[in-house]
């Protein structure tokens, strides 16, 4: 099925229980080929042009189509708007993946290593879910955790991202050079208007993790009104280092480190160190 509009797509979903929407299919076909998914039918979204772009909305929000590709998010006009999301899209894989892989696909698949997911969590984005005759808005964090999941017959159409016009950073570690799946990633955004820091850690758990206590603590350590000689927002270097450890400890608790030295616990130790470094670097770059 190849609907030409959102309305046609949701009607097709309603008429064909068990059908699966497909855009880039980078994750979906992997699941099909591995035998993890056997859809009753596929509903191609490639002809729905309205889902492949983005627009501004009153109130300082960017509305991103679910069919927006990683390659499109990497373009300069988009990168100037939401730089952390552009950075995540740029590292999502080789060109052939970025050219077809979509934002909506990342959300619908909700793979732990989805690079855009911690950015959307840190930006506190919301998703629009459409079905025949109605739509609803769901926080991306609720969608990913299953607190308010995608329901049968619903189509993910748009992602609304508040525009902070403030520093934001995405960093990830892959364990090798070149495009690869993340072993850990950190998205960090500053919200000077609220004097807040938002951070989300990806790939270390089934869903992005928000270390809320660490966010609140480090926001109190930042001198939001002062600038150093280099023009950077002021923070004590010791607080910067402590923030990395605070984030890592919140996301990889001490219980995961028991028996460190061999097996899974040794992996947890390395992962905790990686997250600490990424969080510290992300905040340092955002404050410059």
Protein backbone atom coordinates (compact mmCIF):
# COMPACT_ATOMS: atom_id res chain seq x y z
CA UNK A 1 0.00 0.00 0.00
CA UNK A 2 1.32 3.43 -0.96
CA UNK A 3 -0.93 6.17 0.51
CA UNK A 4 -0.38 9.73 -0.70
CA UNK A 5 -1.50 11.50 2.50
CA UNK A 6 -1.61 11.07 6.25
CA UNK A 7 -5.38 10.56 6.10
CA UNK A 8 -4.99 7.75 3.57
CA UNK A 9 -2.26 6.16 5.69
CA UNK A 10 -4.32 6.11 8.90
CA UNK A 11 -7.31 4.76 6.97
CA UNK A 12 -5.13 1.96 5.62
CA UNK A 13 -3.90 1.16 9.13
CA UNK A 14 -7.48 1.02 10.40
CA UNK A 15 -8.54 -1.23 7.53
CA UNK A 16 -5.61 -3.65 7.87
CA UNK A 17 -4.96 -4.75 11.47
CA UNK A 18 -1.38 -5.87 11.87
CA UNK A 19 -0.08 -3.66 9.06
CA UNK A 20 3.21 -1.86 9.72
CA UNK A 21 4.08 1.62 8.37
CA UNK A 22 7.45 1.77 6.64
CA UNK A 23 9.61 4.65 5.46
CA UNK A 24 13.37 4.03 5.34
CA UNK A 25 13.03 0.42 6.59
CA UNK A 26 16.61 0.34 7.91
CA UNK A 27 15.55 -1.22 11.21
CA UNK A 28 12.32 -2.84 10.07
CA UNK A 29 13.88 -5.01 7.36
CA UNK A 30 16.58 -6.11 9.75
CA UNK A 31 13.86 -7.33 12.12
CA UNK A 32 11.97 -9.03 9.27
CA UNK A 33 15.10 -10.74 7.95
CA UNK A 34 16.00 -11.92 11.45
CA UNK A 35 12.53 -13.38 11.95
CA UNK A 36 11.60 -11.05 14.81
CA UNK A 37 8.77 -9.42 12.88
CA UNK A 38 6.12 -10.81 10.52
CA UNK A 39 3.87 -7.89 9.48
CA UNK A 40 0.49 -8.66 7.95
CA UNK A 41 1.16 -5.91 5.40
CA UNK A 42 3.44 -2.94 4.82
CA UNK A 43 2.15 0.60 4.36
CA UNK A 44 4.75 2.67 2.52
CA UNK A 45 5.00 6.30 3.60
CA UNK A 46 7.40 7.45 0.91
CA UNK A 47 4.75 9.32 -1.12
CA UNK A 48 3.58 11.46 1.83
CA UNK A 49 5.65 14.58 1.14
CA UNK A 50 4.30 16.51 4.16
CA UNK A 51 6.07 14.09 6.49
CA UNK A 52 9.49 14.58 4.90
CA UNK A 53 10.04 18.21 5.91
CA UNK A 54 9.90 20.53 8.89
CA UNK A 55 8.40 23.90 9.73
CA UNK A 56 8.24 26.56 12.41
CA UNK A 57 5.19 26.88 14.61
CA UNK A 58 3.98 29.80 16.71
CA UNK A 59 5.31 29.68 20.24
CA UNK A 60 8.91 28.83 19.35
CA UNK A 61 8.50 25.23 18.24
CA UNK A 62 9.89 23.26 15.31
CA UNK A 63 7.53 20.65 13.86
CA UNK A 64 9.51 17.80 12.32
CA UNK A 65 7.96 15.29 9.95
CA UNK A 66 8.36 11.65 10.93
CA UNK A 67 9.75 10.99 7.46
CA UNK A 68 12.60 13.47 7.90
CA UNK A 69 15.80 11.62 7.02
CA UNK A 70 19.06 11.74 8.93
CA UNK A 71 20.74 13.21 5.87
CA UNK A 72 18.20 16.05 5.74
CA UNK A 73 18.71 16.80 9.44
CA UNK A 74 22.43 17.15 8.80
CA UNK A 75 21.98 20.09 6.40
CA UNK A 76 23.17 23.54 7.57
CA UNK A 77 19.71 25.13 7.83
CA UNK A 78 18.49 22.37 10.14
CA UNK A 79 21.78 22.21 12.07
CA UNK A 80 21.47 25.93 12.86
CA UNK A 81 18.02 25.23 14.31
CA UNK A 82 18.63 22.10 16.40
CA UNK A 83 22.39 21.43 16.38
CA UNK A 84 22.38 18.46 18.76
CA UNK A 85 19.85 16.62 16.61
CA UNK A 86 21.92 17.36 13.51
CA UNK A 87 25.02 15.99 15.26
CA UNK A 88 23.15 12.82 16.20
CA UNK A 89 21.86 12.38 12.64
CA UNK A 90 25.37 12.90 11.25
CA UNK A 91 26.74 9.98 13.25
CA UNK A 92 23.79 7.62 12.77
CA UNK A 93 25.55 5.42 10.23
CA UNK A 94 27.08 5.36 6.76
CA UNK A 95 25.60 7.55 3.98
CA UNK A 96 23.35 4.82 2.62
CA UNK A 97 21.69 4.54 6.05
CA UNK A 98 21.46 8.27 6.68
CA UNK A 99 19.90 8.86 3.26
CA UNK A 100 16.88 6.65 4.02
CA UNK A 101 16.71 6.28 7.81
CA UNK A 102 14.08 8.55 9.38
CA UNK A 103 13.34 10.32 12.63
CA UNK A 104 10.00 8.53 12.95
CA UNK A 105 11.66 5.19 12.35
CA UNK A 106 14.10 5.86 15.19
CA UNK A 107 11.19 6.59 17.52
CA UNK A 108 8.93 3.76 16.41
CA UNK A 109 11.72 1.18 16.62
CA UNK A 110 12.99 2.69 19.90
CA UNK A 111 16.29 0.82 19.71
CA UNK A 112 18.50 1.51 22.72
CA UNK A 113 21.25 2.76 20.40
CA UNK A 114 19.02 5.16 18.44
CA UNK A 115 21.17 8.29 18.25
CA UNK A 116 18.33 10.82 18.00
CA UNK A 117 16.50 9.49 21.05
CA UNK A 118 18.59 11.01 23.87
CA UNK A 119 18.52 14.35 22.04
CA UNK A 120 14.73 14.30 21.82
CA UNK A 121 14.54 13.30 25.49
CA UNK A 122 16.83 16.15 26.57
CA UNK A 123 14.88 18.64 24.45
CA UNK A 124 11.63 17.33 25.99
CA UNK A 125 10.08 16.85 22.55
CA UNK A 126 6.55 15.56 21.98
CA UNK A 127 5.18 13.24 19.31
CA UNK A 128 1.90 13.53 17.42
CA UNK A 129 0.10 10.21 16.94
CA UNK A 130 -2.72 10.04 14.42
CA UNK A 131 -5.46 7.51 13.88
CA UNK A 132 -8.69 7.61 11.90
CA UNK A 133 -10.66 10.58 13.23
CA UNK A 134 -8.29 11.78 15.96
CA UNK A 135 -4.78 12.78 17.01
CA UNK A 136 -3.01 12.99 20.35
CA UNK A 137 0.22 14.45 21.71
CA UNK A 138 2.59 12.31 23.77
CA UNK A 139 5.93 13.27 25.38
CA UNK A 140 8.69 11.39 23.59
CA UNK A 141 9.94 10.13 26.96
CA UNK A 142 6.52 8.54 27.65
CA UNK A 143 6.46 6.98 24.20
CA UNK A 144 9.90 5.41 24.64
CA UNK A 145 9.37 4.10 28.17
CA UNK A 146 5.97 2.60 27.38
CA UNK A 147 4.22 4.91 29.82
CA UNK A 148 2.06 6.03 26.87
CA UNK A 149 3.02 3.81 23.92
CA UNK A 150 2.06 3.83 20.27
CA UNK A 151 -1.30 2.05 20.05
CA UNK A 152 -2.58 -0.29 17.32
CA UNK A 153 -3.81 1.71 14.35
CA UNK A 154 -1.81 4.83 15.25
CA UNK A 155 0.70 6.54 12.97
CA UNK A 156 3.56 8.67 14.25
CA UNK A 157 3.30 11.81 12.11
CA UNK A 158 5.15 14.73 13.72
CA UNK A 159 7.70 15.50 16.40
CA UNK A 160 7.46 18.89 18.10
CA UNK A 161 10.71 20.27 19.49
CA UNK A 162 10.88 23.44 21.64
CA UNK A 163 13.47 25.84 20.21
CA UNK A 164 15.72 26.99 23.05
CA UNK A 165 18.16 29.04 20.94
CA UNK A 166 20.81 28.00 23.45
CA UNK A 167 23.87 25.72 23.43
CA UNK A 168 23.26 22.01 22.96
CA UNK A 169 25.65 19.12 22.41
CA UNK A 170 25.50 15.46 21.37
CA UNK A 171 28.47 13.15 21.91
CA UNK A 172 28.78 9.40 21.56
CA UNK A 173 31.32 6.63 21.96
CA UNK A 174 31.37 3.67 19.60
CA UNK A 175 34.52 1.82 20.55
CA UNK A 176 35.84 2.13 16.98
CA UNK A 177 36.49 4.76 14.32
CA UNK A 178 33.91 5.65 11.70
CA UNK A 179 30.10 5.42 11.84
CA UNK A 180 28.97 2.72 14.26
CA UNK A 181 26.35 1.98 16.90
CA UNK A 182 26.90 3.83 20.15
CA UNK A 183 28.15 2.07 23.26
CA UNK A 184 27.15 5.24 25.13
CA UNK A 185 25.89 8.67 24.15
CA UNK A 186 25.07 11.92 25.91
CA UNK A 187 22.81 14.76 24.81
CA UNK A 188 23.01 17.96 26.83
CA UNK A 189 21.15 21.24 26.41
CA UNK A 190 21.26 24.48 28.36
CA UNK A 191 18.09 26.39 29.14
CA UNK A 192 19.35 29.81 30.30
CA UNK A 193 15.84 31.25 30.55
CA UNK A 194 15.05 28.71 33.29
CA UNK A 195 18.67 28.46 34.43
CA UNK A 196 18.46 24.75 33.84
CA UNK A 197 20.57 21.96 32.40
CA UNK A 198 18.99 18.96 30.69
CA UNK A 199 20.91 15.79 30.03
CA UNK A 200 19.98 12.40 28.58
CA UNK A 201 22.20 9.33 28.33
CA UNK A 202 21.61 6.86 25.52
CA UNK A 203 22.64 3.28 24.66
CA UNK A 204 23.40 2.20 28.25
CA UNK A 205 19.81 1.15 28.98
CA UNK A 206 16.74 0.17 26.92
CA UNK A 207 15.61 3.83 26.94
CA UNK A 208 17.41 7.19 27.33
CA UNK A 209 18.04 8.04 30.97
CA UNK A 210 17.58 11.52 32.49
CA UNK A 211 19.82 12.03 35.57
CA UNK A 212 17.48 14.63 37.07
CA UNK A 213 19.32 15.08 40.35
CA UNK A 214 22.61 15.66 38.53
CA UNK A 215 20.92 18.19 36.26
CA UNK A 216 19.50 20.17 39.18
CA UNK A 217 22.79 20.02 41.10
CA UNK A 218 25.01 21.29 38.29
CA UNK A 219 22.55 24.03 37.32
CA UNK A 220 23.14 25.44 40.80
CA UNK A 221 26.92 25.32 40.24
CA UNK A 222 26.81 27.47 37.10
CA UNK A 223 27.22 31.23 37.40
CA UNK A 224 24.64 32.08 34.73
CA UNK A 225 25.39 35.82 34.88
CA UNK A 226 29.19 35.67 34.67
CA UNK A 227 31.52 35.11 31.75
CA UNK A 228 35.17 34.13 31.86
CA UNK A 229 37.95 35.82 29.89
CA UNK A 230 37.29 33.41 27.02
CA UNK A 231 33.58 34.33 26.98
CA UNK A 232 32.47 31.00 28.45
CA UNK A 233 29.81 30.68 31.12
CA UNK A 234 31.54 30.21 34.45
CA UNK A 235 31.69 26.93 36.36
CA UNK A 236 34.26 25.54 38.78
CA UNK A 237 36.36 22.84 37.01
CA UNK A 238 35.84 20.57 40.01
CA UNK A 239 32.07 20.87 39.60
CA UNK A 240 32.42 20.04 35.91
CA UNK A 241 34.31 16.84 36.73
CA UNK A 242 31.89 15.97 39.53
CA UNK A 243 28.95 16.36 37.15
CA UNK A 244 30.38 13.66 34.88
CA UNK A 245 30.72 11.27 37.81
CA UNK A 246 27.25 12.18 39.10
CA UNK A 247 25.65 11.42 35.71
CA UNK A 248 27.58 8.17 35.31
CA UNK A 249 26.69 7.01 38.82
CA UNK A 250 23.02 7.76 38.25
CA UNK A 251 22.90 5.81 34.98
CA UNK A 252 25.17 2.91 35.96
CA UNK A 253 24.59 2.32 39.68
CA UNK A 254 27.12 0.83 42.07
CA UNK A 255 25.36 -2.53 42.01
CA UNK A 256 26.41 -2.99 38.38
CA UNK A 257 30.08 -2.64 39.38
CA UNK A 258 30.20 -5.39 41.99
CA UNK A 259 32.95 -7.90 41.36
CA UNK A 260 34.73 -5.50 38.98
CA UNK A 261 37.69 -6.99 37.21
CA UNK A 262 36.14 -9.62 34.97
CA UNK A 263 32.97 -10.40 33.06
CA UNK A 264 30.00 -8.04 32.83
CA UNK A 265 31.11 -5.99 35.85
CA UNK A 266 34.35 -4.99 34.09
CA UNK A 267 32.27 -3.84 31.14
CA UNK A 268 30.12 -1.80 33.50
CA UNK A 269 33.21 -0.12 34.96
CA UNK A 270 34.42 0.90 31.49
CA UNK A 271 30.95 2.06 30.51
CA UNK A 272 30.63 4.17 33.63
CA UNK A 273 33.96 5.84 32.89
CA UNK A 274 32.87 6.49 29.32
CA UNK A 275 29.60 8.11 30.39
CA UNK A 276 31.45 10.29 32.92
CA UNK A 277 33.83 11.56 30.23
CA UNK A 278 31.04 12.19 27.72
CA UNK A 279 28.89 14.08 30.24
CA UNK A 280 31.80 16.22 31.40
CA UNK A 281 32.84 17.05 27.85
CA UNK A 282 29.28 17.77 26.73
CA UNK A 283 28.70 20.27 29.53
CA UNK A 284 32.11 21.85 28.97
CA UNK A 285 31.39 22.38 25.29
CA UNK A 286 27.91 23.73 25.95
CA UNK A 287 29.28 26.32 28.35
CA UNK A 288 31.89 27.66 25.89
